[in-house]
Amino acid sequence: MIGYPNGKTASRSLNPQTVKQSAGGRGMSLENDLNKTNDYYLQLDKAVIHKKPTPIQIVQVDYPKRSAAKITEAYFKVPSTTDYNGVYRGKAIDFEAKETRSKTAFPFSHIHPHQIEHLERVLRQGAIAFVIVRFILLDETYFVEAEKMIRQYRLAERKSLPYSWFVQEGILIPYSLTPPVHYLRVIDELYFKEK
């Protein structure tokens, strides 16, 4: 079964406040946090960034009632590329979002070769590309430039990246109430030389 967003909008405050709250207490996935962040950016007309739908081929649908169709069998049409894309300050933005329950490492099995190839392609076209990785049990979210992630992935010396690598090479994105994952601050600092 495939689930899609229900279209309901959550009430949100446009007053940014940084708060320390555990991931368990928030009860949200990285994807939910990023979707709320992107909605916030859209409302303020800061950026237009959306989650890309995964292309599927519907094979079977059950109709228990005329008004209630239920997809019972579906397959991925093609491998997906990255999770999010859009535009910010005239630059294309493309990124992947991943979570891990490990406290010590991020497994490379979470990123697929076609996603790495896609990140390489958008970089060649001048886009800002990156990966956002959340260590769920540590309640930490890191911004990693695509070039760095690709380089480590291509080394193939290991099956994972140690947590310590993220602390050294990544940029910690502190949780804030609105928006939850304020990654545009990092982009401003890295690509537009603003703090």
Protein backbone atom coordinates (compact mmCIF):
# COMPACT_ATOMS: atom_id res chain seq x y z
CA MET A 1 0.00 0.00 0.00
CA ILE A 2 1.26 3.48 -0.81
CA GLY A 3 0.47 6.46 1.34
CA TYR A 4 0.32 10.06 0.16
CA PRO A 5 0.07 13.28 2.17
CA ASN A 6 -3.52 13.82 3.26
CA GLY A 7 -3.56 17.42 2.14
CA LYS A 8 -4.26 18.79 5.62
CA THR A 9 -2.19 21.73 6.69
CA ALA A 10 -0.71 21.92 10.17
CA SER A 11 -1.09 25.12 12.11
CA ARG A 12 2.23 26.89 12.16
CA SER A 13 3.73 29.91 13.71
CA LEU A 14 5.93 32.16 11.64
CA ASN A 15 7.87 33.23 14.72
CA PRO A 16 11.26 31.45 14.59
CA GLN A 17 12.26 30.05 17.95
CA THR A 18 15.12 27.69 18.60
CA VAL A 19 14.22 25.02 21.11
CA LYS A 20 15.91 21.89 22.40
CA GLN A 21 13.51 19.02 22.18
CA SER A 22 14.19 15.32 21.73
CA ALA A 23 13.35 13.61 18.45
CA GLY A 24 11.14 11.19 20.37
CA GLY A 25 9.27 14.14 21.87
CA ARG A 26 8.73 15.69 18.46
CA GLY A 27 7.45 12.42 17.05
CA MET A 28 8.34 13.47 13.50
CA SER A 29 10.46 12.03 10.80
CA LEU A 30 13.08 14.01 8.96
CA GLU A 31 10.80 14.09 5.94
CA ASN A 32 7.97 15.67 7.94
CA ASP A 33 10.37 18.24 9.39
CA LEU A 34 11.71 19.09 5.93
CA ASN A 35 8.21 19.37 4.47
CA LYS A 36 7.26 21.82 7.25
CA THR A 37 10.50 23.73 6.66
CA ASN A 38 9.83 23.97 2.93
CA ASP A 39 6.24 25.11 3.57
CA TYR A 40 7.64 27.81 5.85
CA TYR A 41 10.10 28.94 3.16
CA LEU A 42 7.29 29.00 0.59
CA GLN A 43 4.99 31.05 2.84
CA LEU A 44 7.71 33.65 3.34
CA ASP A 45 8.57 33.57 -0.39
CA LYS A 46 12.19 32.67 0.49
CA ALA A 47 12.48 29.53 -1.65
CA VAL A 48 10.41 27.12 -3.71
CA ILE A 49 11.48 23.61 -2.78
CA HIS A 50 9.28 20.52 -2.93
CA LYS A 51 9.46 16.82 -2.24
CA LYS A 52 9.51 14.88 -5.47
CA PRO A 53 6.88 12.15 -5.77
CA THR A 54 8.19 8.66 -6.41
CA PRO A 55 6.95 7.47 -9.82
CA ILE A 56 4.88 4.30 -9.44
CA GLN A 57 2.96 1.97 -11.71
CA ILE A 58 -0.40 1.02 -10.24
CA VAL A 59 -1.20 -2.61 -10.97
CA GLN A 60 -4.30 -3.37 -8.93
CA VAL A 61 -6.97 -1.25 -7.30
CA ASP A 62 -9.79 -2.54 -5.12
CA TYR A 63 -13.07 -0.67 -5.04
CA PRO A 64 -14.82 -1.71 -1.81
CA LYS A 65 -17.19 1.22 -2.39
CA ARG A 66 -17.61 3.43 -5.38
CA SER A 67 -16.25 6.40 -3.43
CA ALA A 68 -13.29 4.57 -1.83
CA ALA A 69 -10.59 3.20 -4.11
CA LYS A 70 -7.66 1.38 -2.49
CA ILE A 71 -4.36 0.67 -4.25
CA THR A 72 -3.44 -2.92 -3.37
CA GLU A 73 -0.49 -3.47 -5.69
CA ALA A 74 2.00 -1.01 -7.19
CA TYR A 75 5.61 -1.01 -8.40
CA PHE A 76 8.27 1.64 -8.80
CA LYS A 77 8.44 2.66 -12.47
CA VAL A 78 12.02 3.89 -12.38
CA PRO A 79 14.56 4.42 -9.61
CA SER A 80 13.93 7.74 -7.92
CA THR A 81 16.58 10.43 -7.99
CA THR A 82 16.77 12.61 -4.87
CA ASP A 83 14.04 13.58 -2.43
CA TYR A 84 13.83 17.35 -2.89
CA ASN A 85 14.45 19.99 -5.53
CA GLY A 86 13.60 23.57 -6.25
CA VAL A 87 15.10 27.04 -6.48
CA TYR A 88 16.60 29.49 -4.01
CA ARG A 89 18.03 32.91 -4.86
CA GLY A 90 18.17 31.98 -8.54
CA LYS A 91 20.07 28.72 -7.96
CA ALA A 92 18.75 25.21 -8.46
CA ILE A 93 18.63 23.21 -5.22
CA ASP A 94 18.70 19.41 -5.17
CA PHE A 95 19.12 17.22 -2.11
CA GLU A 96 18.59 13.84 -0.52
CA ALA A 97 17.39 13.34 3.06
CA LYS A 98 18.34 10.25 5.07
CA GLU A 99 17.87 9.01 8.61
CA THR A 100 19.76 6.42 10.61
CA ARG A 101 19.10 4.85 14.00
CA SER A 102 22.79 4.13 14.47
CA LYS A 103 24.66 6.27 17.00
CA THR A 104 28.05 5.46 15.48
CA ALA A 105 27.76 5.50 11.68
CA PHE A 106 25.69 6.23 8.59
CA PRO A 107 25.40 3.13 6.36
CA PHE A 108 26.10 3.72 2.68
CA SER A 109 23.36 1.19 1.93
CA HIS A 110 20.94 4.07 2.68
CA ILE A 111 22.10 5.85 -0.50
CA HIS A 112 21.73 4.18 -3.87
CA PRO A 113 24.23 4.46 -6.76
CA HIS A 114 21.66 6.17 -9.02
CA GLN A 115 21.19 8.87 -6.35
CA ILE A 116 24.93 9.52 -6.23
CA GLU A 117 24.99 9.72 -10.04
CA HIS A 118 22.09 12.15 -9.98
CA LEU A 119 23.86 14.39 -7.45
CA GLU A 120 26.97 14.37 -9.67
CA ARG A 121 24.87 15.38 -12.69
CA VAL A 122 23.14 18.30 -10.98
CA LEU A 123 26.50 19.51 -9.61
CA ARG A 124 27.87 19.57 -13.18
CA GLN A 125 24.94 21.80 -14.13
CA GLY A 126 25.77 24.28 -11.37
CA ALA A 127 23.10 23.33 -8.84
CA ILE A 128 23.56 23.47 -5.09
CA ALA A 129 23.43 19.81 -4.07
CA PHE A 130 23.69 18.24 -0.66
CA VAL A 131 22.55 15.47 1.67
CA ILE A 132 20.80 16.01 4.99
CA VAL A 133 21.43 13.17 7.43
CA ARG A 134 19.65 12.76 10.75
CA PHE A 135 21.04 10.59 13.52
CA ILE A 136 17.69 9.80 15.14
CA LEU A 137 18.94 8.46 18.47
CA LEU A 138 21.40 11.35 18.87
CA ASP A 139 18.79 13.91 17.82
CA GLU A 140 21.26 15.54 15.43
CA THR A 141 20.79 16.60 11.83
CA TYR A 142 23.74 17.33 9.52
CA PHE A 143 24.08 19.19 6.23
CA VAL A 144 26.71 17.53 4.00
CA GLU A 145 27.80 19.06 0.71
CA ALA A 146 27.19 16.59 -2.12
CA GLU A 147 30.83 16.70 -3.22
CA LYS A 148 31.98 15.43 0.18
CA MET A 149 29.39 12.65 0.35
CA ILE A 150 30.13 11.54 -3.22
CA ARG A 151 33.86 11.44 -2.55
CA GLN A 152 33.39 9.25 0.54
CA TYR A 153 30.88 7.02 -1.26
CA ARG A 154 33.23 6.53 -4.21
CA LEU A 155 36.20 5.59 -1.99
CA ALA A 156 34.40 2.31 -1.25
CA GLU A 157 36.86 1.55 1.53
CA ARG A 158 34.06 1.16 4.03
CA LYS A 159 30.38 0.33 4.22
CA SER A 160 29.52 3.34 6.32
CA LEU A 161 30.62 6.80 7.37
CA PRO A 162 31.43 7.15 11.06
CA TYR A 163 29.47 9.65 13.13
CA SER A 164 32.76 11.45 13.86
CA TRP A 165 33.10 12.21 10.11
CA PHE A 166 29.78 14.12 10.22
CA VAL A 167 30.93 16.09 13.25
CA GLN A 168 34.13 17.08 11.37
CA GLU A 169 32.92 17.45 7.78
CA GLY A 170 29.21 18.12 8.08
CA ILE A 171 27.41 21.15 9.46
CA LEU A 172 25.07 20.59 12.38
CA ILE A 173 21.62 22.08 11.77
CA PRO A 174 20.15 22.88 15.18
CA TYR A 175 16.47 22.07 15.64
CA SER A 176 14.23 25.10 15.76
CA LEU A 177 10.51 25.33 16.18
CA THR A 178 9.91 27.24 12.96
CA PRO A 179 11.34 26.06 10.65
CA PRO A 180 12.41 22.70 12.11
CA VAL A 181 15.40 22.14 9.76
CA HIS A 182 16.64 25.60 8.77
CA TYR A 183 19.05 24.49 6.05
CA LEU A 184 18.91 27.77 4.09
CA ARG A 185 21.10 29.32 6.80
CA VAL A 186 23.80 26.82 5.88
CA ILE A 187 23.35 27.49 2.16
CA ASP A 188 23.61 31.24 2.74
CA GLU A 189 26.86 30.79 4.63
CA LEU A 190 28.45 28.28 2.22
CA TYR A 191 27.29 29.55 -1.16
CA PHE A 192 26.33 33.19 -0.65
CA LYS A 193 28.95 34.01 2.05
CA GLU A 194 26.39 35.29 4.53
CA LYS A 195 26.09 34.56 8.23
